[in-house]
PDB file of N, CA and C in Angstrom:
ATOM      1  N   TRP A   1     299.336 -17.493 149.976  1.00  0.00           N
ATOM      2  CA  TRP A   1     300.697 -17.052 149.780  1.00  0.00           C
ATOM      3  C   TRP A   1     301.237 -16.328 151.005  1.00  0.00           C
ATOM      4  N   GLN A   2     300.368 -15.642 151.716  1.00  0.00           N
ATOM      5  CA  GLN A   2     300.823 -14.888 152.878  1.00  0.00           C
ATOM      6  C   GLN A   2     301.416 -15.795 153.942  1.00  0.00           C
ATOM      7  N   ALA A   3     300.791 -16.951 154.175  1.00  0.00           N
ATOM      8  CA  ALA A   3     301.307 -17.890 155.174  1.00  0.00           C
ATOM      9  C   ALA A   3     302.682 -18.409 154.756  1.00  0.00           C
ATOM     10  N   MET A   4     302.838 -18.683 153.467  1.00  0.00           N
ATOM     11  CA  MET A   4     304.134 -19.169 152.984  1.00  0.00           C
ATOM     12  C   MET A   4     305.192 -18.082 153.142  1.00  0.00           C
ATOM     13  N   ARG A   5     304.850 -16.861 152.777  1.00  0.00           N
ATOM     14  CA  ARG A   5     305.819 -15.768 152.927  1.00  0.00           C
ATOM     15  C   ARG A   5     306.186 -15.553 154.391  1.00  0.00           C
ATOM     16  N   ALA A   6     305.208 -15.657 155.286  1.00  0.00           N
ATOM     17  CA  ALA A   6     305.469 -15.477 156.716  1.00  0.00           C
ATOM     18  C   ALA A   6     306.385 -16.583 157.228  1.00  0.00           C
ATOM     19  N   ALA A   7     306.154 -17.816 156.781  1.00  0.00           N
ATOM     20  CA  ALA A   7     306.981 -18.946 157.224  1.00  0.00           C
ATOM     21  C   ALA A   7     308.425 -18.801 156.746  1.00  0.00           C
ATOM     22  N   LEU A   8     308.608 -18.149 155.613  1.00  0.00           N
ATOM     23  CA  LEU A   8     309.960 -18.001 155.049  1.00  0.00           C
ATOM     24  C   LEU A   8     310.603 -16.656 155.382  1.00  0.00           C
ATOM     25  N   ALA A   9     309.921 -15.845 156.150  1.00  0.00           N
ATOM     26  CA  ALA A   9     310.468 -14.539 156.513  1.00  0.00           C
ATOM     27  C   ALA A   9     311.811 -14.704 157.218  1.00  0.00           C
ATOM     28  N   GLY A  10     312.778 -13.936 156.796  1.00  0.00           N
ATOM     29  CA  GLY A  10     314.095 -13.995 157.412  1.00  0.00           C
ATOM     30  C   GLY A  10     314.994 -15.079 156.853  1.00  0.00           C
ATOM     31  N   ILE A  11     314.478 -15.872 155.932  1.00  0.00           N
ATOM     32  CA  ILE A  11     315.263 -16.936 155.309  1.00  0.00           C
ATOM     33  C   ILE A  11     315.579 -16.497 153.879  1.00  0.00           C
ATOM     34  N   ASP A  12     316.820 -16.669 153.469  1.00  0.00           N
ATOM     35  CA  ASP A  12     317.209 -16.311 152.117  1.00  0.00           C
ATOM     36  C   ASP A  12     316.514 -17.256 151.138  1.00  0.00           C
ATOM     37  N   HIS A  13     315.597 -16.724 150.354  1.00  0.00           N
ATOM     38  CA  HIS A  13     314.863 -17.539 149.390  1.00  0.00           C
ATOM     39  C   HIS A  13     314.469 -16.691 148.185  1.00  0.00           C
ATOM     40  N   CYS A  14     314.013 -17.340 147.161  1.00  0.00           N
ATOM     41  CA  CYS A  14     313.589 -16.690 145.933  1.00  0.00           C
ATOM     42  C   CYS A  14     312.067 -16.784 145.837  1.00  0.00           C
ATOM     43  N   ASP A  15     311.387 -15.663 145.897  1.00  0.00           N
ATOM     44  CA  ASP A  15     309.930 -15.642 145.853  1.00  0.00           C
ATOM     45  C   ASP A  15     309.469 -15.250 144.448  1.00  0.00           C
ATOM     46  N   LEU A  16     308.984 -16.226 143.706  1.00  0.00           N
ATOM     47  CA  LEU A  16     308.470 -15.960 142.363  1.00  0.00           C
ATOM     48  C   LEU A  16     306.946 -15.942 142.332  1.00  0.00           C
ATOM     49  N   THR A  17     306.301 -15.920 143.488  1.00  0.00           N
ATOM     50  CA  THR A  17     304.840 -15.984 143.535  1.00  0.00           C
ATOM     51  C   THR A  17     304.174 -14.750 142.943  1.00  0.00           C
ATOM     52  N   THR A  18     304.879 -13.650 142.858  1.00  0.00           N
ATOM     53  CA  THR A  18     304.289 -12.443 142.276  1.00  0.00           C
ATOM     54  C   THR A  18     304.825 -12.166 140.871  1.00  0.00           C
ATOM     55  N   TYR A  19     305.695 -13.016 140.379  1.00  0.00           N
ATOM     56  CA  TYR A  19     306.284 -12.821 139.052  1.00  0.00           C
ATOM     57  C   TYR A  19     305.227 -13.030 137.971  1.00  0.00           C
ATOM     58  N   THR A  20     305.224 -12.171 137.004  1.00  0.00           N
ATOM     59  CA  THR A  20     304.360 -12.337 135.844  1.00  0.00           C
ATOM     60  C   THR A  20     305.070 -11.762 134.626  1.00  0.00           C
ATOM     61  N   SER A  21     304.688 -12.257 133.474  1.00  0.00           N
ATOM     62  CA  SER A  21     305.247 -11.749 132.223  1.00  0.00           C
ATOM     63  C   SER A  21     304.245 -12.059 131.113  1.00  0.00           C
ATOM     64  N   PRO A  22     304.324 -11.337 130.018  1.00  0.00           N
ATOM     65  CA  PRO A  22     303.424 -11.646 128.894  1.00  0.00           C
ATOM     66  C   PRO A  22     303.583 -13.096 128.425  1.00  0.00           C
ATOM     67  N   TRP A  23     304.839 -13.587 128.392  1.00  0.00           N
ATOM     68  CA  TRP A  23     305.061 -14.965 127.962  1.00  0.00           C
ATOM     69  C   TRP A  23     304.357 -15.947 128.897  1.00  0.00           C
ATOM     70  N   LEU A  24     304.482 -15.755 130.200  1.00  0.00           N
ATOM     71  CA  LEU A  24     303.870 -16.655 131.162  1.00  0.00           C
ATOM     72  C   LEU A  24     302.347 -16.627 131.043  1.00  0.00           C
ATOM     73  N   GLU A  25     301.769 -15.443 130.906  1.00  0.00           N
ATOM     74  CA  GLU A  25     300.316 -15.325 130.751  1.00  0.00           C
ATOM     75  C   GLU A  25     299.855 -16.058 129.488  1.00  0.00           C
ATOM     76  N   SER A  26     300.576 -15.904 128.405  1.00  0.00           N
ATOM     77  CA  SER A  26     300.247 -16.585 127.154  1.00  0.00           C
ATOM     78  C   SER A  26     300.394 -18.098 127.289  1.00  0.00           C
ATOM     79  N   PHE A  27     301.466 -18.526 127.946  1.00  0.00           N
ATOM     80  CA  PHE A  27     301.716 -19.954 128.157  1.00  0.00           C
ATOM     81  C   PHE A  27     300.574 -20.598 128.932  1.00  0.00           C
ATOM     82  N   ILE A  28     300.142 -19.958 129.997  1.00  0.00           N
ATOM     83  CA  ILE A  28     299.082 -20.496 130.849  1.00  0.00           C
ATOM     84  C   ILE A  28     297.772 -20.625 130.084  1.00  0.00           C
ATOM     85  N   ARG A  29     297.499 -19.716 129.173  1.00  0.00           N
ATOM     86  CA  ARG A  29     296.237 -19.715 128.435  1.00  0.00           C
ATOM     87  C   ARG A  29     296.234 -20.652 127.220  1.00  0.00           C
ATOM     88  N   ASP A  30     297.378 -21.202 126.864  1.00  0.00           N
ATOM     89  CA  ASP A  30     297.481 -22.043 125.667  1.00  0.00           C
ATOM     90  C   ASP A  30     297.261 -23.517 126.018  1.00  0.00           C
ATOM     91  N   PRO A  31     296.123 -24.093 125.624  1.00  0.00           N
ATOM     92  CA  PRO A  31     295.835 -25.482 125.974  1.00  0.00           C
ATOM     93  C   PRO A  31     296.800 -26.493 125.343  1.00  0.00           C
ATOM     94  N   LYS A  32     297.573 -26.075 124.324  1.00  0.00           N
ATOM     95  CA  LYS A  32     298.539 -26.983 123.708  1.00  0.00           C
ATOM     96  C   LYS A  32     299.672 -27.356 124.660  1.00  0.00           C
ATOM     97  N   ASN A  33     299.826 -26.627 125.768  1.00  0.00           N
ATOM     98  CA  ASN A  33     300.890 -26.916 126.733  1.00  0.00           C
ATOM     99  C   ASN A  33     300.461 -27.902 127.818  1.00  0.00           C
ATOM    100  N   PHE A  34     299.191 -28.279 127.819  1.00  0.00           N
ATOM    101  CA  PHE A  34     298.659 -29.071 128.925  1.00  0.00           C
ATOM    102  C   PHE A  34     298.045 -30.385 128.451  1.00  0.00           C
ATOM    103  N   TRP A  35     298.248 -31.392 129.267  1.00  0.00           N
ATOM    104  CA  TRP A  35     297.676 -32.702 129.007  1.00  0.00           C
ATOM    105  C   TRP A  35     296.205 -32.699 129.383  1.00  0.00           C
ATOM    106  N   ASP A  36     295.920 -32.242 130.600  1.00  0.00           N
ATOM    107  CA  ASP A  36     294.541 -32.113 131.068  1.00  0.00           C
ATOM    108  C   ASP A  36     294.507 -31.049 132.156  1.00  0.00           C
ATOM    109  N   GLY A  37     293.871 -29.956 131.874  1.00  0.00           N
ATOM    110  CA  GLY A  37     293.761 -28.906 132.886  1.00  0.00           C
ATOM    111  C   GLY A  37     295.104 -28.446 133.394  1.00  0.00           C
ATOM    112  N   PRO A  38     295.436 -28.752 134.662  1.00  0.00           N
ATOM    113  CA  PRO A  38     296.658 -28.223 135.270  1.00  0.00           C
ATOM    114  C   PRO A  38     297.935 -29.017 134.975  1.00  0.00           C
ATOM    115  N   HIS A  39     297.841 -30.151 134.310  1.00  0.00           N
ATOM    116  CA  HIS A  39     299.026 -30.995 134.112  1.00  0.00           C
ATOM    117  C   HIS A  39     299.678 -30.726 132.760  1.00  0.00           C
ATOM    118  N   LEU A  40     300.961 -30.355 132.818  1.00  0.00           N
ATOM    119  CA  LEU A  40     301.706 -30.081 131.600  1.00  0.00           C
ATOM    120  C   LEU A  40     301.914 -31.342 130.779  1.00  0.00           C
ATOM    121  N   ASN A  41     301.882 -31.188 129.462  1.00  0.00           N
ATOM    122  CA  ASN A  41     302.292 -32.286 128.597  1.00  0.00           C
ATOM    123  C   ASN A  41     303.804 -32.153 128.367  1.00  0.00           C
ATOM    124  N   ARG A  42     304.362 -33.018 127.552  1.00  0.00           N
ATOM    125  CA  ARG A  42     305.809 -33.005 127.324  1.00  0.00           C
ATOM    126  C   ARG A  42     306.269 -31.660 126.763  1.00  0.00           C
ATOM    127  N   GLN A  43     305.581 -31.181 125.742  1.00  0.00           N
ATOM    128  CA  GLN A  43     305.925 -29.900 125.109  1.00  0.00           C
ATOM    129  C   GLN A  43     305.853 -28.759 126.122  1.00  0.00           C
ATOM    130  N   GLY A  44     304.798 -28.742 126.920  1.00  0.00           N
ATOM    131  CA  GLY A  44     304.631 -27.689 127.920  1.00  0.00           C
ATOM    132  C   GLY A  44     305.698 -27.764 129.000  1.00  0.00           C
ATOM    133  N   ALA A  45     306.025 -28.979 129.412  1.00  0.00           N
ATOM    134  CA  ALA A  45     307.032 -29.154 130.464  1.00  0.00           C
ATOM    135  C   ALA A  45     308.405 -28.674 130.007  1.00  0.00           C
ATOM    136  N   ILE A  46     308.749 -28.975 128.769  1.00  0.00           N
ATOM    137  CA  ILE A  46     310.038 -28.536 128.233  1.00  0.00           C
ATOM    138  C   ILE A  46     310.084 -27.010 128.149  1.00  0.00           C
ATOM    139  N   ALA A  47     309.025 -26.412 127.630  1.00  0.00           N
ATOM    140  CA  ALA A  47     308.981 -24.952 127.499  1.00  0.00           C
ATOM    141  C   ALA A  47     308.995 -24.280 128.868  1.00  0.00           C
ATOM    142  N   TYR A  48     308.206 -24.795 129.794  1.00  0.00           N
ATOM    143  CA  TYR A  48     308.127 -24.171 131.113  1.00  0.00           C
ATOM    144  C   TYR A  48     309.432 -24.323 131.880  1.00  0.00           C
ATOM    145  N   SER A  49     310.075 -25.470 131.782  1.00  0.00           N
ATOM    146  CA  SER A  49     311.353 -25.676 132.477  1.00  0.00           C
ATOM    147  C   SER A  49     312.400 -24.670 132.025  1.00  0.00           C
ATOM    148  N   GLY A  50     312.489 -24.446 130.727  1.00  0.00           N
ATOM    149  CA  GLY A  50     313.438 -23.467 130.222  1.00  0.00           C
ATOM    150  C   GLY A  50     313.106 -22.058 130.687  1.00  0.00           C
ATOM    151  N   ALA A  51     311.820 -21.726 130.645  1.00  0.00           N
ATOM    152  CA  ALA A  51     311.400 -20.392 131.087  1.00  0.00           C
ATOM    153  C   ALA A  51     311.621 -20.216 132.580  1.00  0.00           C
ATOM    154  N   LEU A  52     311.354 -21.262 133.361  1.00  0.00           N
ATOM    155  CA  LEU A  52     311.555 -21.186 134.808  1.00  0.00           C
ATOM    156  C   LEU A  52     313.035 -20.958 135.132  1.00  0.00           C
ATOM    157  N   ALA A  53     313.906 -21.643 134.432  1.00  0.00           N
ATOM    158  CA  ALA A  53     315.344 -21.439 134.653  1.00  0.00           C
ATOM    159  C   ALA A  53     315.733 -19.987 134.379  1.00  0.00           C
ATOM    160  N   GLN A  54     315.190 -19.406 133.315  1.00  0.00           N
ATOM    161  CA  GLN A  54     315.485 -18.006 133.003  1.00  0.00           C
ATOM    162  C   GLN A  54     314.890 -17.068 134.054  1.00  0.00           C
ATOM    163  N   MET A  55     313.668 -17.385 134.529  1.00  0.00           N
ATOM    164  CA  MET A  55     313.045 -16.558 135.565  1.00  0.00           C
ATOM    165  C   MET A  55     313.885 -16.542 136.828  1.00  0.00           C
ATOM    166  N   VAL A  56     314.331 -17.708 137.252  1.00  0.00           N
ATOM    167  CA  VAL A  56     315.137 -17.801 138.467  1.00  0.00           C
ATOM    168  C   VAL A  56     316.437 -17.042 138.292  1.00  0.00           C
ATOM    169  N   GLN A  57     317.078 -17.213 137.152  1.00  0.00           N
ATOM    170  CA  GLN A  57     318.351 -16.525 136.930  1.00  0.00           C
ATOM    171  C   GLN A  57     318.170 -15.011 136.906  1.00  0.00           C
ATOM    172  N   SER A  58     317.106 -14.516 136.306  1.00  0.00           N
ATOM    173  CA  SER A  58     316.934 -13.067 136.205  1.00  0.00           C
ATOM    174  C   SER A  58     316.324 -12.449 137.457  1.00  0.00           C
ATOM    175  N   GLN A  59     315.473 -13.176 138.162  1.00  0.00           N
ATOM    176  CA  GLN A  59     314.772 -12.612 139.315  1.00  0.00           C
ATOM    177  C   GLN A  59     315.436 -12.918 140.646  1.00  0.00           C
ATOM    178  N   CYS A  60     316.224 -13.967 140.702  1.00  0.00           N
ATOM    179  CA  CYS A  60     316.810 -14.409 141.967  1.00  0.00           C
ATOM    180  C   CYS A  60     318.271 -14.800 141.780  1.00  0.00           C
ATOM    181  N   PRO A  61     319.092 -13.875 141.325  1.00  0.00           N
ATOM    182  CA  PRO A  61     320.485 -14.224 141.089  1.00  0.00           C
ATOM    183  C   PRO A  61     321.218 -14.565 142.384  1.00  0.00           C
ATOM    184  N   LEU A  62     322.094 -15.514 142.272  1.00  0.00           N
ATOM    185  CA  LEU A  62     322.963 -15.879 143.382  1.00  0.00           C
ATOM    186  C   LEU A  62     324.163 -14.945 143.385  1.00  0.00           C
ATOM    187  N   PRO A  63     324.792 -14.764 144.535  1.00  0.00           N
ATOM    188  CA  PRO A  63     325.996 -13.920 144.559  1.00  0.00           C
ATOM    189  C   PRO A  63     327.047 -14.365 143.552  1.00  0.00           C
ATOM    190  N   SER A  64     327.136 -15.672 143.308  1.00  0.00           N
ATOM    191  CA  SER A  64     328.138 -16.181 142.367  1.00  0.00           C
ATOM    192  C   SER A  64     327.782 -15.865 140.915  1.00  0.00           C
ATOM    193  N   ASP A  65     326.492 -15.503 140.634  1.00  0.00           N
ATOM    194  CA  ASP A  65     326.090 -15.163 139.273  1.00  0.00           C
ATOM    195  C   ASP A  65     326.710 -13.867 138.778  1.00  0.00           C
ATOM    196  N   SER A  66     327.150 -13.011 139.683  1.00  0.00           N
ATOM    197  CA  SER A  66     327.717 -11.726 139.278  1.00  0.00           C
ATOM    198  C   SER A  66     329.185 -11.792 138.933  1.00  0.00           C
ATOM    199  N   ASN A  67     329.801 -12.950 139.117  1.00  0.00           N
ATOM    200  CA  ASN A  67     331.226 -13.104 138.812  1.00  0.00           C
ATOM    201  C   ASN A  67     331.441 -13.360 137.346  1.00  0.00           C
TER     202      ASN A  67
END
């Protein structure tokens, strides 16, 4: 992660690499969300996509989000 952060230093970006939440920890530990190991199944992909959208909106708001 350090190399990625260094490469993006000075560039406006959203860094979610340190984000954590009880929901995310629970999601990762629930095998019902995964097809095999690291690959999400349909149910997991739908749930994660919605959660990711909320994470981005709450952790990395755009200037236009405050209007």
